[in-house]
Amino acid sequence: CAQCPAFVAPDSTPGVMTWDELLEHMDNLVNWGQDELKTWHKTASALQTVKQASVNKQVETSCAAADAAHRAQFQNKLAGICEDMC
């Protein structure tokens, strides 16, 4: 009834979208789109962070491998010089 404080009138144009309803719907779409973009940015940012950590790990691994190879070459060279000296 119209005297009830929480009364909401039924849709006077069922199945037809009025201009006011269309504008409200468009506002809702804008808000939804902005929320989706925020979510996508967070996801992309997280992926970039994971990718960067993976790249850093690869660099560390390749640097460690290169360092080990250089150390082995150095030790072999020292061993050769020591043998020549003895």
C-alpha atoms as a PDB file:
ATOM      1  CA  CYS A   1       0.000   0.000   0.000  1.00  0.00           C
ATOM      2  CA  ALA A   2       1.087   3.564  -0.606  1.00  0.00           C
ATOM      3  CA  GLN A   3       0.900   4.471   3.110  1.00  0.00           C
ATOM      4  CA  CYS A   4       3.585   1.889   4.028  1.00  0.00           C
ATOM      5  CA  PRO A   5       7.016   3.508   4.576  1.00  0.00           C
ATOM      6  CA  ALA A   6       8.973   0.773   2.698  1.00  0.00           C
ATOM      7  CA  PHE A   7       6.529   0.578  -0.203  1.00  0.00           C
ATOM      8  CA  VAL A   8       8.094   0.361  -3.651  1.00  0.00           C
ATOM      9  CA  ALA A   9       5.763   0.942  -6.559  1.00  0.00           C
ATOM     10  CA  PRO A  10       5.729  -1.803  -9.203  1.00  0.00           C
ATOM     11  CA  ASP A  11       7.324  -1.127 -12.574  1.00  0.00           C
ATOM     12  CA  SER A  12       4.857   0.969 -14.538  1.00  0.00           C
ATOM     13  CA  THR A  13       6.469  -0.115 -17.841  1.00  0.00           C
ATOM     14  CA  PRO A  14       7.267  -3.838 -17.537  1.00  0.00           C
ATOM     15  CA  GLY A  15       9.465  -5.125 -20.353  1.00  0.00           C
ATOM     16  CA  VAL A  16      10.236  -1.597 -21.583  1.00  0.00           C
ATOM     17  CA  MET A  17      13.284   0.410 -20.541  1.00  0.00           C
ATOM     18  CA  THR A  18      12.605   4.099 -19.926  1.00  0.00           C
ATOM     19  CA  TRP A  19      15.209   6.826 -20.403  1.00  0.00           C
ATOM     20  CA  ASP A  20      15.763   7.065 -16.655  1.00  0.00           C
ATOM     21  CA  GLU A  21      16.222   3.301 -16.413  1.00  0.00           C
ATOM     22  CA  LEU A  22      18.593   3.362 -19.386  1.00  0.00           C
ATOM     23  CA  LEU A  23      20.709   6.124 -17.843  1.00  0.00           C
ATOM     24  CA  GLU A  24      20.844   4.265 -14.528  1.00  0.00           C
ATOM     25  CA  HIS A  25      21.814   1.066 -16.342  1.00  0.00           C
ATOM     26  CA  MET A  26      24.578   2.909 -18.215  1.00  0.00           C
ATOM     27  CA  ASP A  27      25.906   4.315 -14.921  1.00  0.00           C
ATOM     28  CA  ASN A  28      25.930   0.798 -13.486  1.00  0.00           C
ATOM     29  CA  LEU A  29      27.857  -0.445 -16.530  1.00  0.00           C
ATOM     30  CA  VAL A  30      30.436   2.312 -16.111  1.00  0.00           C
ATOM     31  CA  ASN A  31      30.929   1.380 -12.450  1.00  0.00           C
ATOM     32  CA  TRP A  32      31.160  -2.308 -13.308  1.00  0.00           C
ATOM     33  CA  GLY A  33      33.689  -1.579 -16.080  1.00  0.00           C
ATOM     34  CA  GLN A  34      35.856   0.480 -13.756  1.00  0.00           C
ATOM     35  CA  ASP A  35      35.819  -2.298 -11.156  1.00  0.00           C
ATOM     36  CA  GLU A  36      36.788  -4.839 -13.817  1.00  0.00           C
ATOM     37  CA  LEU A  37      39.694  -2.653 -14.972  1.00  0.00           C
ATOM     38  CA  LYS A  38      40.951  -2.367 -11.395  1.00  0.00           C
ATOM     39  CA  THR A  39      40.818  -6.143 -11.064  1.00  0.00           C
ATOM     40  CA  TRP A  40      42.632  -6.639 -14.363  1.00  0.00           C
ATOM     41  CA  HIS A  41      45.326  -4.141 -13.375  1.00  0.00           C
ATOM     42  CA  LYS A  42      45.872  -5.961 -10.075  1.00  0.00           C
ATOM     43  CA  THR A  43      46.121  -9.279 -11.893  1.00  0.00           C
ATOM     44  CA  ALA A  44      48.526  -7.877 -14.488  1.00  0.00           C
ATOM     45  CA  SER A  45      50.624  -6.284 -11.765  1.00  0.00           C
ATOM     46  CA  ALA A  46      50.812  -9.566  -9.882  1.00  0.00           C
ATOM     47  CA  LEU A  47      51.814 -11.404 -13.064  1.00  0.00           C
ATOM     48  CA  GLN A  48      54.537  -8.853 -13.770  1.00  0.00           C
ATOM     49  CA  THR A  49      55.856  -9.289 -10.228  1.00  0.00           C
ATOM     50  CA  VAL A  50      55.944 -13.075 -10.634  1.00  0.00           C
ATOM     51  CA  LYS A  51      57.591 -12.739 -14.060  1.00  0.00           C
ATOM     52  CA  GLN A  52      60.209 -10.341 -12.686  1.00  0.00           C
ATOM     53  CA  ALA A  53      60.979 -12.706  -9.793  1.00  0.00           C
ATOM     54  CA  SER A  54      61.334 -15.548 -12.299  1.00  0.00           C
ATOM     55  CA  VAL A  55      63.689 -13.464 -14.453  1.00  0.00           C
ATOM     56  CA  ASN A  56      65.724 -12.494 -11.385  1.00  0.00           C
ATOM     57  CA  LYS A  57      65.990 -16.157 -10.396  1.00  0.00           C
ATOM     58  CA  GLN A  58      67.136 -17.093 -13.918  1.00  0.00           C
ATOM     59  CA  VAL A  59      69.767 -14.339 -13.848  1.00  0.00           C
ATOM     60  CA  GLU A  60      70.994 -15.503 -10.440  1.00  0.00           C
ATOM     61  CA  THR A  61      71.166 -19.092 -11.664  1.00  0.00           C
ATOM     62  CA  SER A  62      73.026 -18.197 -14.848  1.00  0.00           C
ATOM     63  CA  CYS A  63      75.413 -15.925 -12.926  1.00  0.00           C
ATOM     64  CA  ALA A  64      76.107 -18.704 -10.426  1.00  0.00           C
ATOM     65  CA  ALA A  65      76.760 -21.150 -13.267  1.00  0.00           C
ATOM     66  CA  ALA A  66      79.090 -18.694 -15.021  1.00  0.00           C
ATOM     67  CA  ASP A  67      80.878 -18.013 -11.725  1.00  0.00           C
ATOM     68  CA  ALA A  68      81.367 -21.734 -11.112  1.00  0.00           C
ATOM     69  CA  ALA A  69      82.782 -22.167 -14.628  1.00  0.00           C
ATOM     70  CA  HIS A  70      85.230 -19.289 -14.136  1.00  0.00           C
ATOM     71  CA  ARG A  71      86.319 -20.679 -10.767  1.00  0.00           C
ATOM     72  CA  ALA A  72      86.913 -24.093 -12.323  1.00  0.00           C
ATOM     73  CA  GLN A  73      89.018 -22.541 -15.112  1.00  0.00           C
ATOM     74  CA  PHE A  74      91.015 -20.550 -12.550  1.00  0.00           C
ATOM     75  CA  GLN A  75      91.626 -23.598 -10.355  1.00  0.00           C
ATOM     76  CA  ASN A  76      92.703 -25.671 -13.358  1.00  0.00           C
ATOM     77  CA  LYS A  77      95.101 -22.947 -14.439  1.00  0.00           C
ATOM     78  CA  LEU A  78      96.572 -22.752 -10.903  1.00  0.00           C
ATOM     79  CA  ALA A  79      96.888 -26.529 -10.791  1.00  0.00           C
ATOM     80  CA  GLY A  80      98.762 -26.475 -14.092  1.00  0.00           C
ATOM     81  CA  ILE A  81     101.125 -23.733 -12.909  1.00  0.00           C
ATOM     82  CA  CYS A  82     101.750 -25.527  -9.617  1.00  0.00           C
ATOM     83  CA  GLU A  83     102.598 -28.729 -11.469  1.00  0.00           C
ATOM     84  CA  ASP A  84     105.014 -26.828 -13.699  1.00  0.00           C
ATOM     85  CA  MET A  85     106.656 -25.247 -10.677  1.00  0.00           C
ATOM     86  CA  CYS A  86     107.064 -28.542  -8.843  1.00  0.00           C
END
